[in-house]
Amino acid sequence: MDGLKAMVLGMGMVYLFLIIMVLIMNLLAKLLKPYAGKFEPAPAVPIRKAAPAAPSDEEIANAAVEAVRRFRQAPGAGDTAVYELPAGGRRLKVEVCAPGVRSTAASVPTSAPVPAG
């Protein structure tokens, strides 16, 4: 019978300890409630890179001049050549044609954004 008494007394002490801990935790929760959220780090806000602005007229003109310069310097370039040149954070496709030759790319967009990465 002594073993049974010791076991019941031990279990009673464990339950008493748990009840005291629950009371202490509730008291701490009430005391710290005004400070909730003040010590937690702010959530990370993803940084979005702004899309590059459209190239200015001057940048487009400079890209066109560079394309013509490359076309003239290229030996055996043929009647037409297409160059992709940077302008204002974007890449412009510039088609250069020899005198008297018509462009074949009438509906090609003039600029595309530079891929992120």
PDB file of N, CA and C in Angstrom:
ATOM      1  N   MET A   1       0.804  -1.184   0.000  1.00  0.00           N
ATOM      2  CA  MET A   1       0.000   0.000   0.000  1.00  0.00           C
ATOM      3  C   MET A   1       0.857   1.262   0.000  1.00  0.00           C
ATOM      4  N   ASP A   2       2.055   1.174   0.500  1.00  0.00           N
ATOM      5  CA  ASP A   2       2.906   2.352   0.528  1.00  0.00           C
ATOM      6  C   ASP A   2       3.269   2.809  -0.883  1.00  0.00           C
ATOM      7  N   GLY A   3       3.448   1.873  -1.809  1.00  0.00           N
ATOM      8  CA  GLY A   3       3.766   2.224  -3.190  1.00  0.00           C
ATOM      9  C   GLY A   3       2.622   2.952  -3.865  1.00  0.00           C
ATOM     10  N   LEU A   4       1.405   2.514  -3.568  1.00  0.00           N
ATOM     11  CA  LEU A   4       0.226   3.144  -4.157  1.00  0.00           C
ATOM     12  C   LEU A   4       0.067   4.564  -3.622  1.00  0.00           C
ATOM     13  N   LYS A   5       0.302   4.758  -2.319  1.00  0.00           N
ATOM     14  CA  LYS A   5       0.210   6.087  -1.733  1.00  0.00           C
ATOM     15  C   LYS A   5       1.256   7.024  -2.353  1.00  0.00           C
ATOM     16  N   ALA A   6       2.470   6.511  -2.554  1.00  0.00           N
ATOM     17  CA  ALA A   6       3.542   7.324  -3.139  1.00  0.00           C
ATOM     18  C   ALA A   6       3.192   7.716  -4.573  1.00  0.00           C
ATOM     19  N   MET A   7       2.601   6.780  -5.315  1.00  0.00           N
ATOM     20  CA  MET A   7       2.233   7.072  -6.703  1.00  0.00           C
ATOM     21  C   MET A   7       1.121   8.134  -6.746  1.00  0.00           C
ATOM     22  N   VAL A   8       0.117   8.038  -5.924  1.00  0.00           N
ATOM     23  CA  VAL A   8      -0.988   9.000  -5.899  1.00  0.00           C
ATOM     24  C   VAL A   8      -0.456  10.360  -5.463  1.00  0.00           C
ATOM     25  N   LEU A   9       0.418  10.396  -4.457  1.00  0.00           N
ATOM     26  CA  LEU A   9       0.999  11.641  -4.007  1.00  0.00           C
ATOM     27  C   LEU A   9       1.851  12.275  -5.112  1.00  0.00           C
ATOM     28  N   GLY A  10       2.628  11.457  -5.828  1.00  0.00           N
ATOM     29  CA  GLY A  10       3.455  11.961  -6.935  1.00  0.00           C
ATOM     30  C   GLY A  10       2.600  12.533  -8.064  1.00  0.00           C
ATOM     31  N   MET A  11       1.533  11.835  -8.426  1.00  0.00           N
ATOM     32  CA  MET A  11       0.646  12.316  -9.489  1.00  0.00           C
ATOM     33  C   MET A  11      -0.065  13.593  -9.058  1.00  0.00           C
ATOM     34  N   GLY A  12      -0.440  13.687  -7.786  1.00  0.00           N
ATOM     35  CA  GLY A  12      -1.071  14.900  -7.272  1.00  0.00           C
ATOM     36  C   GLY A  12      -0.125  16.084  -7.377  1.00  0.00           C
ATOM     37  N   MET A  13       1.152  15.857  -7.086  1.00  0.00           N
ATOM     38  CA  MET A  13       2.133  16.939  -7.187  1.00  0.00           C
ATOM     39  C   MET A  13       2.306  17.378  -8.645  1.00  0.00           C
ATOM     40  N   VAL A  14       2.288  16.418  -9.583  1.00  0.00           N
ATOM     41  CA  VAL A  14       2.411  16.758 -11.008  1.00  0.00           C
ATOM     42  C   VAL A  14       1.222  17.598 -11.454  1.00  0.00           C
ATOM     43  N   TYR A  15       0.003  17.193 -11.068  1.00  0.00           N
ATOM     44  CA  TYR A  15      -1.188  17.963 -11.443  1.00  0.00           C
ATOM     45  C   TYR A  15      -1.169  19.349 -10.811  1.00  0.00           C
ATOM     46  N   LEU A  16      -0.730  19.455  -9.560  1.00  0.00           N
ATOM     47  CA  LEU A  16      -0.628  20.740  -8.898  1.00  0.00           C
ATOM     48  C   LEU A  16       0.377  21.637  -9.623  1.00  0.00           C
ATOM     49  N   PHE A  17       1.501  21.079 -10.022  1.00  0.00           N
ATOM     50  CA  PHE A  17       2.508  21.834 -10.772  1.00  0.00           C
ATOM     51  C   PHE A  17       1.925  22.333 -12.098  1.00  0.00           C
ATOM     52  N   LEU A  18       1.211  21.493 -12.793  1.00  0.00           N
ATOM     53  CA  LEU A  18       0.604  21.896 -14.083  1.00  0.00           C
ATOM     54  C   LEU A  18      -0.423  23.011 -13.877  1.00  0.00           C
ATOM     55  N   ILE A  19      -1.234  22.928 -12.845  1.00  0.00           N
ATOM     56  CA  ILE A  19      -2.235  23.968 -12.584  1.00  0.00           C
ATOM     57  C   ILE A  19      -1.543  25.298 -12.285  1.00  0.00           C
ATOM     58  N   ILE A  20      -0.484  25.270 -11.475  1.00  0.00           N
ATOM     59  CA  ILE A  20       0.253  26.496 -11.159  1.00  0.00           C
ATOM     60  C   ILE A  20       0.869  27.084 -12.421  1.00  0.00           C
ATOM     61  N   MET A  21       1.419  26.254 -13.284  1.00  0.00           N
ATOM     62  CA  MET A  21       2.032  26.735 -14.538  1.00  0.00           C
ATOM     63  C   MET A  21       0.986  27.383 -15.448  1.00  0.00           C
ATOM     64  N   VAL A  22      -0.194  26.797 -15.544  1.00  0.00           N
ATOM     65  CA  VAL A  22      -1.264  27.373 -16.373  1.00  0.00           C
ATOM     66  C   VAL A  22      -1.663  28.738 -15.819  1.00  0.00           C
ATOM     67  N   LEU A  23      -1.783  28.854 -14.494  1.00  0.00           N
ATOM     68  CA  LEU A  23      -2.137  30.138 -13.888  1.00  0.00           C
ATOM     69  C   LEU A  23      -1.055  31.189 -14.152  1.00  0.00           C
ATOM     70  N   ILE A  24       0.199  30.808 -14.035  1.00  0.00           N
ATOM     71  CA  ILE A  24       1.297  31.746 -14.290  1.00  0.00           C
ATOM     72  C   ILE A  24       1.306  32.184 -15.761  1.00  0.00           C
ATOM     73  N   MET A  25       1.093  31.258 -16.663  1.00  0.00           N
ATOM     74  CA  MET A  25       1.081  31.599 -18.095  1.00  0.00           C
ATOM     75  C   MET A  25      -0.082  32.536 -18.428  1.00  0.00           C
ATOM     76  N   ASN A  26      -1.253  32.318 -17.837  1.00  0.00           N
ATOM     77  CA  ASN A  26      -2.392  33.218 -18.068  1.00  0.00           C
ATOM     78  C   ASN A  26      -2.102  34.609 -17.522  1.00  0.00           C
ATOM     79  N   LEU A  27      -1.463  34.680 -16.352  1.00  0.00           N
ATOM     80  CA  LEU A  27      -1.109  35.966 -15.776  1.00  0.00           C
ATOM     81  C   LEU A  27      -0.105  36.699 -16.668  1.00  0.00           C
ATOM     82  N   LEU A  28       0.903  35.982 -17.129  1.00  0.00           N
ATOM     83  CA  LEU A  28       1.882  36.597 -18.044  1.00  0.00           C
ATOM     84  C   LEU A  28       1.225  37.070 -19.334  1.00  0.00           C
ATOM     85  N   ALA A  29       0.283  36.293 -19.877  1.00  0.00           N
ATOM     86  CA  ALA A  29      -0.402  36.693 -21.107  1.00  0.00           C
ATOM     87  C   ALA A  29      -1.163  38.005 -20.895  1.00  0.00           C
ATOM     88  N   LYS A  30      -1.801  38.157 -19.716  1.00  0.00           N
ATOM     89  CA  LYS A  30      -2.531  39.396 -19.427  1.00  0.00           C
ATOM     90  C   LYS A  30      -1.566  40.575 -19.261  1.00  0.00           C
ATOM     91  N   LEU A  31      -0.428  40.335 -18.598  1.00  0.00           N
ATOM     92  CA  LEU A  31       0.532  41.409 -18.375  1.00  0.00           C
ATOM     93  C   LEU A  31       1.223  41.855 -19.665  1.00  0.00           C
ATOM     94  N   LEU A  32       1.456  40.929 -20.560  1.00  0.00           N
ATOM     95  CA  LEU A  32       2.202  41.243 -21.793  1.00  0.00           C
ATOM     96  C   LEU A  32       1.297  41.602 -22.970  1.00  0.00           C
ATOM     97  N   LYS A  33      -0.012  41.550 -22.791  1.00  0.00           N
ATOM     98  CA  LYS A  33      -0.937  41.839 -23.891  1.00  0.00           C
ATOM     99  C   LYS A  33      -0.707  43.215 -24.522  1.00  0.00           C
ATOM    100  N   PRO A  34      -0.437  44.296 -23.740  1.00  0.00           N
ATOM    101  CA  PRO A  34      -0.198  45.602 -24.383  1.00  0.00           C
ATOM    102  C   PRO A  34       1.035  45.627 -25.288  1.00  0.00           C
ATOM    103  N   TYR A  35       1.944  44.702 -25.096  1.00  0.00           N
ATOM    104  CA  TYR A  35       3.184  44.681 -25.875  1.00  0.00           C
ATOM    105  C   TYR A  35       3.142  43.681 -27.033  1.00  0.00           C
ATOM    106  N   ALA A  36       1.981  43.092 -27.259  1.00  0.00           N
ATOM    107  CA  ALA A  36       1.864  42.086 -28.327  1.00  0.00           C
ATOM    108  C   ALA A  36       2.199  42.699 -29.676  1.00  0.00           C
ATOM    109  N   GLY A  37       3.058  42.055 -30.405  1.00  0.00           N
ATOM    110  CA  GLY A  37       3.432  42.497 -31.747  1.00  0.00           C
ATOM    111  C   GLY A  37       4.565  43.499 -31.781  1.00  0.00           C
ATOM    112  N   LYS A  38       4.948  44.058 -30.645  1.00  0.00           N
ATOM    113  CA  LYS A  38       6.010  45.071 -30.640  1.00  0.00           C
ATOM    114  C   LYS A  38       7.395  44.458 -30.740  1.00  0.00           C
ATOM    115  N   PHE A  39       7.536  43.223 -30.317  1.00  0.00           N
ATOM    116  CA  PHE A  39       8.844  42.590 -30.319  1.00  0.00           C
ATOM    117  C   PHE A  39       9.018  41.600 -31.460  1.00  0.00           C
ATOM    118  N   GLU A  40       7.977  41.410 -32.257  1.00  0.00           N
ATOM    119  CA  GLU A  40       8.062  40.507 -33.398  1.00  0.00           C
ATOM    120  C   GLU A  40       8.637  41.270 -34.584  1.00  0.00           C
ATOM    121  N   PRO A  41       9.455  40.610 -35.382  1.00  0.00           N
ATOM    122  CA  PRO A  41       9.995  41.312 -36.557  1.00  0.00           C
ATOM    123  C   PRO A  41       8.882  41.612 -37.556  1.00  0.00           C
ATOM    124  N   ALA A  42       9.059  42.709 -38.238  1.00  0.00           N
ATOM    125  CA  ALA A  42       8.084  43.090 -39.261  1.00  0.00           C
ATOM    126  C   ALA A  42       8.129  42.077 -40.395  1.00  0.00           C
ATOM    127  N   PRO A  43       6.999  41.767 -40.996  1.00  0.00           N
ATOM    128  CA  PRO A  43       7.018  40.815 -42.114  1.00  0.00           C
ATOM    129  C   PRO A  43       7.816  41.379 -43.279  1.00  0.00           C
ATOM    130  N   ALA A  44       8.531  40.494 -43.922  1.00  0.00           N
ATOM    131  CA  ALA A  44       9.357  40.912 -45.056  1.00  0.00           C
ATOM    132  C   ALA A  44       8.467  41.324 -46.223  1.00  0.00           C
ATOM    133  N   VAL A  45       8.739  42.481 -46.767  1.00  0.00           N
ATOM    134  CA  VAL A  45       7.997  42.982 -47.914  1.00  0.00           C
ATOM    135  C   VAL A  45       8.859  42.744 -49.153  1.00  0.00           C
ATOM    136  N   PRO A  46       8.343  42.001 -50.117  1.00  0.00           N
ATOM    137  CA  PRO A  46       9.157  41.762 -51.304  1.00  0.00           C
ATOM    138  C   PRO A  46       9.427  43.067 -52.051  1.00  0.00           C
ATOM    139  N   ILE A  47      10.651  43.212 -52.494  1.00  0.00           N
ATOM    140  CA  ILE A  47      11.033  44.406 -53.238  1.00  0.00           C
ATOM    141  C   ILE A  47      10.777  44.139 -54.716  1.00  0.00           C
ATOM    142  N   ARG A  48       9.968  44.982 -55.294  1.00  0.00           N
ATOM    143  CA  ARG A  48       9.668  44.837 -56.719  1.00  0.00           C
ATOM    144  C   ARG A  48      10.500  45.837 -57.495  1.00  0.00           C
ATOM    145  N   LYS A  49      11.140  45.333 -58.503  1.00  0.00           N
ATOM    146  CA  LYS A  49      11.911  46.223 -59.356  1.00  0.00           C
ATOM    147  C   LYS A  49      10.960  46.872 -60.349  1.00  0.00           C
ATOM    148  N   ALA A  50      11.080  48.154 -60.460  1.00  0.00           N
ATOM    149  CA  ALA A  50      10.235  48.881 -61.399  1.00  0.00           C
ATOM    150  C   ALA A  50      10.642  48.531 -62.829  1.00  0.00           C
ATOM    151  N   ALA A  51       9.669  48.456 -63.688  1.00  0.00           N
ATOM    152  CA  ALA A  51       9.966  48.200 -65.097  1.00  0.00           C
ATOM    153  C   ALA A  51      10.744  49.389 -65.649  1.00  0.00           C
ATOM    154  N   PRO A  52      11.729  49.110 -66.477  1.00  0.00           N
ATOM    155  CA  PRO A  52      12.486  50.232 -67.021  1.00  0.00           C
ATOM    156  C   PRO A  52      11.590  51.137 -67.858  1.00  0.00           C
ATOM    157  N   ALA A  53      11.887  52.399 -67.804  1.00  0.00           N
ATOM    158  CA  ALA A  53      11.113  53.373 -68.565  1.00  0.00           C
ATOM    159  C   ALA A  53      11.348  53.155 -70.057  1.00  0.00           C
ATOM    160  N   ALA A  54      10.416  53.619 -70.843  1.00  0.00           N
ATOM    161  CA  ALA A  54      10.575  53.521 -72.288  1.00  0.00           C
ATOM    162  C   ALA A  54      11.780  54.364 -72.713  1.00  0.00           C
ATOM    163  N   PRO A  55      12.527  53.887 -73.690  1.00  0.00           N
ATOM    164  CA  PRO A  55      13.690  54.659 -74.131  1.00  0.00           C
ATOM    165  C   PRO A  55      13.269  56.015 -74.688  1.00  0.00           C
ATOM    166  N   SER A  56      14.118  56.998 -74.456  1.00  0.00           N
ATOM    167  CA  SER A  56      13.835  58.339 -74.959  1.00  0.00           C
ATOM    168  C   SER A  56      14.102  58.393 -76.464  1.00  0.00           C
ATOM    169  N   ASP A  57      13.651  59.458 -77.087  1.00  0.00           N
ATOM    170  CA  ASP A  57      13.885  59.634 -78.523  1.00  0.00           C
ATOM    171  C   ASP A  57      15.382  59.677 -78.823  1.00  0.00           C
ATOM    172  N   GLU A  58      16.135  60.293 -77.926  1.00  0.00           N
ATOM    173  CA  GLU A  58      17.584  60.385 -78.135  1.00  0.00           C
ATOM    174  C   GLU A  58      18.230  59.001 -78.068  1.00  0.00           C
ATOM    175  N   GLU A  59      17.789  58.157 -77.125  1.00  0.00           N
ATOM    176  CA  GLU A  59      18.338  56.804 -77.022  1.00  0.00           C
ATOM    177  C   GLU A  59      17.974  55.962 -78.247  1.00  0.00           C
ATOM    178  N   ILE A  60      16.758  56.138 -78.750  1.00  0.00           N
ATOM    179  CA  ILE A  60      16.343  55.409 -79.956  1.00  0.00           C
ATOM    180  C   ILE A  60      17.174  55.863 -81.148  1.00  0.00           C
ATOM    181  N   ALA A  61      17.389  57.177 -81.264  1.00  0.00           N
ATOM    182  CA  ALA A  61      18.195  57.699 -82.372  1.00  0.00           C
ATOM    183  C   ALA A  61      19.632  57.195 -82.273  1.00  0.00           C
ATOM    184  N   ASN A  62      20.196  57.162 -81.074  1.00  0.00           N
ATOM    185  CA  ASN A  62      21.553  56.648 -80.903  1.00  0.00           C
ATOM    186  C   ASN A  62      21.642  55.170 -81.281  1.00  0.00           C
ATOM    187  N   ALA A  63      20.610  54.379 -80.938  1.00  0.00           N
ATOM    188  CA  ALA A  63      20.595  52.966 -81.313  1.00  0.00           C
ATOM    189  C   ALA A  63      20.518  52.813 -82.833  1.00  0.00           C
ATOM    190  N   ALA A  64      19.726  53.664 -83.482  1.00  0.00           N
ATOM    191  CA  ALA A  64      19.618  53.598 -84.940  1.00  0.00           C
ATOM    192  C   ALA A  64      20.947  53.965 -85.603  1.00  0.00           C
ATOM    193  N   VAL A  65      21.614  54.989 -85.083  1.00  0.00           N
ATOM    194  CA  VAL A  65      22.911  55.389 -85.639  1.00  0.00           C
ATOM    195  C   VAL A  65      23.926  54.263 -85.469  1.00  0.00           C
ATOM    196  N   GLU A  66      23.918  53.621 -84.290  1.00  0.00           N
ATOM    197  CA  GLU A  66      24.841  52.507 -84.047  1.00  0.00           C
ATOM    198  C   GLU A  66      24.552  51.338 -84.982  1.00  0.00           C
ATOM    199  N   ALA A  67      23.264  51.050 -85.245  1.00  0.00           N
ATOM    200  CA  ALA A  67      22.913  49.954 -86.150  1.00  0.00           C
ATOM    201  C   ALA A  67      23.404  50.248 -87.569  1.00  0.00           C
ATOM    202  N   VAL A  68      23.238  51.486 -88.033  1.00  0.00           N
ATOM    203  CA  VAL A  68      23.706  51.857 -89.374  1.00  0.00           C
ATOM    204  C   VAL A  68      25.232  51.759 -89.439  1.00  0.00           C
ATOM    205  N   ARG A  69      25.903  52.178 -88.370  1.00  0.00           N
ATOM    206  CA  ARG A  69      27.371  52.099 -88.342  1.00  0.00           C
ATOM    207  C   ARG A  69      27.825  50.640 -88.440  1.00  0.00           C
ATOM    208  N   ARG A  70      27.178  49.757 -87.681  1.00  0.00           N
ATOM    209  CA  ARG A  70      27.543  48.334 -87.731  1.00  0.00           C
ATOM    210  C   ARG A  70      27.242  47.739 -89.091  1.00  0.00           C
ATOM    211  N   PHE A  71      26.106  48.147 -89.695  1.00  0.00           N
ATOM    212  CA  PHE A  71      25.734  47.621 -91.013  1.00  0.00           C
ATOM    213  C   PHE A  71      26.773  48.012 -92.062  1.00  0.00           C
ATOM    214  N   ARG A  72      27.231  49.241 -92.007  1.00  0.00           N
ATOM    215  CA  ARG A  72      28.219  49.716 -92.986  1.00  0.00           C
ATOM    216  C   ARG A  72      29.577  49.040 -92.792  1.00  0.00           C
ATOM    217  N   GLN A  73      29.923  48.688 -91.561  1.00  0.00           N
ATOM    218  CA  GLN A  73      31.219  48.081 -91.289  1.00  0.00           C
ATOM    219  C   GLN A  73      31.225  46.572 -91.519  1.00  0.00           C
ATOM    220  N   ALA A  74      30.049  45.949 -91.586  1.00  0.00           N
ATOM    221  CA  ALA A  74      29.978  44.496 -91.743  1.00  0.00           C
ATOM    222  C   ALA A  74      30.225  44.123 -93.202  1.00  0.00           C
ATOM    223  N   PRO A  75      31.288  43.364 -93.464  1.00  0.00           N
ATOM    224  CA  PRO A  75      31.522  42.941 -94.839  1.00  0.00           C
ATOM    225  C   PRO A  75      30.495  41.878 -95.245  1.00  0.00           C
ATOM    226  N   GLY A  76      29.888  42.056 -96.369  1.00  0.00           N
ATOM    227  CA  GLY A  76      28.904  41.090 -96.885  1.00  0.00           C
ATOM    228  C   GLY A  76      27.677  40.974 -96.008  1.00  0.00           C
ATOM    229  N   ALA A  77      27.184  42.082 -95.490  1.00  0.00           N
ATOM    230  CA  ALA A  77      26.009  42.057 -94.618  1.00  0.00           C
ATOM    231  C   ALA A  77      24.739  41.733 -95.394  1.00  0.00           C
ATOM    232  N   GLY A  78      24.773  41.826 -96.674  1.00  0.00           N
ATOM    233  CA  GLY A  78      23.584  41.562 -97.473  1.00  0.00           C
ATOM    234  C   GLY A  78      22.742  42.807 -97.619  1.00  0.00           C
ATOM    235  N   ASP A  79      21.474  42.608 -97.989  1.00  0.00           N
ATOM    236  CA  ASP A  79      20.580  43.742 -98.198  1.00  0.00           C
ATOM    237  C   ASP A  79      19.975  44.266 -96.899  1.00  0.00           C
ATOM    238  N   THR A  80      19.766  43.385 -95.920  1.00  0.00           N
ATOM    239  CA  THR A  80      19.189  43.813 -94.640  1.00  0.00           C
ATOM    240  C   THR A  80      19.913  43.124 -93.486  1.00  0.00           C
ATOM    241  N   ALA A  81      19.859  43.742 -92.338  1.00  0.00           N
ATOM    242  CA  ALA A  81      20.419  43.152 -91.118  1.00  0.00           C
ATOM    243  C   ALA A  81      19.615  43.669 -89.928  1.00  0.00           C
ATOM    244  N   VAL A  82      19.448  42.817 -88.921  1.00  0.00           N
ATOM    245  CA  VAL A  82      18.718  43.196 -87.715  1.00  0.00           C
ATOM    246  C   VAL A  82      19.702  43.170 -86.543  1.00  0.00           C
ATOM    247  N   TYR A  83      19.702  44.256 -85.775  1.00  0.00           N
ATOM    248  CA  TYR A  83      20.587  44.378 -84.623  1.00  0.00           C
ATOM    249  C   TYR A  83      19.734  44.589 -83.377  1.00  0.00           C
ATOM    250  N   GLU A  84      20.121  43.963 -82.275  1.00  0.00           N
ATOM    251  CA  GLU A  84      19.474  44.208 -80.979  1.00  0.00           C
ATOM    252  C   GLU A  84      20.431  45.058 -80.164  1.00  0.00           C
ATOM    253  N   LEU A  85      20.009  46.264 -79.858  1.00  0.00           N
ATOM    254  CA  LEU A  85      20.878  47.212 -79.170  1.00  0.00           C
ATOM    255  C   LEU A  85      20.201  47.705 -77.894  1.00  0.00           C
ATOM    256  N   PRO A  86      20.998  47.932 -76.820  1.00  0.00           N
ATOM    257  CA  PRO A  86      20.402  48.451 -75.584  1.00  0.00           C
ATOM    258  C   PRO A  86      20.050  49.932 -75.717  1.00  0.00           C
ATOM    259  N   ALA A  87      18.901  50.279 -75.130  1.00  0.00           N
ATOM    260  CA  ALA A  87      18.481  51.696 -75.127  1.00  0.00           C
ATOM    261  C   ALA A  87      17.516  51.891 -73.965  1.00  0.00           C
ATOM    262  N   GLY A  88      17.922  52.643 -72.966  1.00  0.00           N
ATOM    263  CA  GLY A  88      17.036  52.957 -71.852  1.00  0.00           C
ATOM    264  C   GLY A  88      16.607  51.758 -71.039  1.00  0.00           C
ATOM    265  N   GLY A  89      17.483  50.779 -70.828  1.00  0.00           N
ATOM    266  CA  GLY A  89      17.127  49.600 -70.046  1.00  0.00           C
ATOM    267  C   GLY A  89      16.359  48.554 -70.828  1.00  0.00           C
ATOM    268  N   ARG A  90      16.184  48.768 -72.087  1.00  0.00           N
ATOM    269  CA  ARG A  90      15.491  47.802 -72.947  1.00  0.00           C
ATOM    270  C   ARG A  90      16.403  47.441 -74.114  1.00  0.00           C
ATOM    271  N   ARG A  91      15.987  46.433 -74.854  1.00  0.00           N
ATOM    272  CA  ARG A  91      16.739  46.051 -76.045  1.00  0.00           C
ATOM    273  C   ARG A  91      15.860  46.361 -77.253  1.00  0.00           C
ATOM    274  N   LEU A  92      16.396  47.174 -78.141  1.00  0.00           N
ATOM    275  CA  LEU A  92      15.657  47.544 -79.350  1.00  0.00           C
ATOM    276  C   LEU A  92      16.120  46.677 -80.501  1.00  0.00           C
ATOM    277  N   LYS A  93      15.174  46.227 -81.294  1.00  0.00           N
ATOM    278  CA  LYS A  93      15.505  45.536 -82.542  1.00  0.00           C
ATOM    279  C   LYS A  93      15.478  46.584 -83.644  1.00  0.00           C
ATOM    280  N   VAL A  94      16.629  46.760 -84.265  1.00  0.00           N
ATOM    281  CA  VAL A  94      16.747  47.763 -85.317  1.00  0.00           C
ATOM    282  C   VAL A  94      17.094  47.036 -86.609  1.00  0.00           C
ATOM    283  N   GLU A  95      16.259  47.218 -87.624  1.00  0.00           N
ATOM    284  CA  GLU A  95      16.524  46.613 -88.933  1.00  0.00           C
ATOM    285  C   GLU A  95      17.089  47.697 -89.842  1.00  0.00           C
ATOM    286  N   VAL A  96      18.212  47.375 -90.459  1.00  0.00           N
ATOM    287  CA  VAL A  96      18.855  48.308 -91.384  1.00  0.00           C
ATOM    288  C   VAL A  96      18.796  47.676 -92.771  1.00  0.00           C
ATOM    289  N   CYS A  97      18.363  48.474 -93.741  1.00  0.00           N
ATOM    290  CA  CYS A  97      18.251  47.992 -95.120  1.00  0.00           C
ATOM    291  C   CYS A  97      19.191  48.791 -96.018  1.00  0.00           C
ATOM    292  N   ALA A  98      19.688  48.120 -97.034  1.00  0.00           N
ATOM    293  CA  ALA A  98      20.501  48.807 -98.032  1.00  0.00           C
ATOM    294  C   ALA A  98      19.594  49.759 -98.816  1.00  0.00           C
ATOM    295  N   PRO A  99      20.162  50.789 -99.426  1.00  0.00           N
ATOM    296  CA  PRO A  99      19.342  51.720-100.211  1.00  0.00           C
ATOM    297  C   PRO A  99      18.533  50.986-101.277  1.00  0.00           C
ATOM    298  N   GLY A 100      17.251  51.319-101.372  1.00  0.00           N
ATOM    299  CA  GLY A 100      16.372  50.725-102.381  1.00  0.00           C
ATOM    300  C   GLY A 100      15.740  49.416-101.945  1.00  0.00           C
ATOM    301  N   VAL A 101      16.033  48.898-100.765  1.00  0.00           N
ATOM    302  CA  VAL A 101      15.473  47.629-100.285  1.00  0.00           C
ATOM    303  C   VAL A 101      14.393  47.955 -99.260  1.00  0.00           C
ATOM    304  N   ARG A 102      13.244  47.255 -99.381  1.00  0.00           N
ATOM    305  CA  ARG A 102      12.144  47.483 -98.443  1.00  0.00           C
ATOM    306  C   ARG A 102      12.312  46.603 -97.219  1.00  0.00           C
ATOM    307  N   SER A 103      11.862  47.107 -96.087  1.00  0.00           N
ATOM    308  CA  SER A 103      11.908  46.351 -94.834  1.00  0.00           C
ATOM    309  C   SER A 103      10.904  45.206 -94.893  1.00  0.00           C
ATOM    310  N   THR A 104      11.261  44.082 -94.303  1.00  0.00           N
ATOM    311  CA  THR A 104      10.359  42.927 -94.271  1.00  0.00           C
ATOM    312  C   THR A 104       9.641  42.825 -92.931  1.00  0.00           C
ATOM    313  N   ALA A 105      10.040  43.615 -91.960  1.00  0.00           N
ATOM    314  CA  ALA A 105       9.471  43.519 -90.609  1.00  0.00           C
ATOM    315  C   ALA A 105       8.590  44.722 -90.316  1.00  0.00           C
ATOM    316  N   ALA A 106       7.433  44.789 -90.961  1.00  0.00           N
ATOM    317  CA  ALA A 106       6.557  45.939 -90.791  1.00  0.00           C
ATOM    318  C   ALA A 106       5.839  45.914 -89.448  1.00  0.00           C
ATOM    319  N   SER A 107       5.596  44.724 -88.880  1.00  0.00           N
ATOM    320  CA  SER A 107       4.817  44.668 -87.641  1.00  0.00           C
ATOM    321  C   SER A 107       5.639  44.199 -86.446  1.00  0.00           C
ATOM    322  N   VAL A 108       6.952  44.265 -86.514  1.00  0.00           N
ATOM    323  CA  VAL A 108       7.794  43.856 -85.389  1.00  0.00           C
ATOM    324  C   VAL A 108       7.763  44.951 -84.338  1.00  0.00           C
ATOM    325  N   PRO A 109       7.541  44.598 -83.057  1.00  0.00           N
ATOM    326  CA  PRO A 109       7.552  45.633 -82.024  1.00  0.00           C
ATOM    327  C   PRO A 109       8.917  46.303 -81.948  1.00  0.00           C
ATOM    328  N   THR A 110       8.915  47.573 -81.612  1.00  0.00           N
ATOM    329  CA  THR A 110      10.173  48.323 -81.622  1.00  0.00           C
ATOM    330  C   THR A 110      11.008  48.076 -80.389  1.00  0.00           C
ATOM    331  N   SER A 111      10.406  47.697 -79.271  1.00  0.00           N
ATOM    332  CA  SER A 111      11.217  47.454 -78.090  1.00  0.00           C
ATOM    333  C   SER A 111      10.594  46.345 -77.250  1.00  0.00           C
ATOM    334  N   ALA A 112      11.437  45.660 -76.510  1.00  0.00           N
ATOM    335  CA  ALA A 112      11.006  44.618 -75.579  1.00  0.00           C
ATOM    336  C   ALA A 112      11.768  44.820 -74.288  1.00  0.00           C
ATOM    337  N   PRO A 113      11.129  44.542 -73.128  1.00  0.00           N
ATOM    338  CA  PRO A 113      11.841  44.739 -71.868  1.00  0.00           C
ATOM    339  C   PRO A 113      13.020  43.784 -71.722  1.00  0.00           C
ATOM    340  N   VAL A 114      14.049  44.222 -71.047  1.00  0.00           N
ATOM    341  CA  VAL A 114      15.210  43.375 -70.770  1.00  0.00           C
ATOM    342  C   VAL A 114      14.760  42.348 -69.752  1.00  0.00           C
ATOM    343  N   PRO A 115      15.027  41.048 -69.991  1.00  0.00           N
ATOM    344  CA  PRO A 115      14.593  40.039 -69.035  1.00  0.00           C
ATOM    345  C   PRO A 115      15.260  40.240 -67.684  1.00  0.00           C
ATOM    346  N   ALA A 116      14.471  40.080 -66.595  1.00  0.00           N
ATOM    347  CA  ALA A 116      15.031  40.242 -65.234  1.00  0.00           C
ATOM    348  C   ALA A 116      15.917  39.054 -64.918  1.00  0.00           C
ATOM    349  N   GLY A 117      16.940  39.330 -64.152  1.00  0.00           N
ATOM    350  CA  GLY A 117      17.750  38.177 -63.746  1.00  0.00           C
ATOM    351  C   GLY A 117      19.126  38.531 -63.724  1.00  0.00           C
TER     352      GLY A 117
END
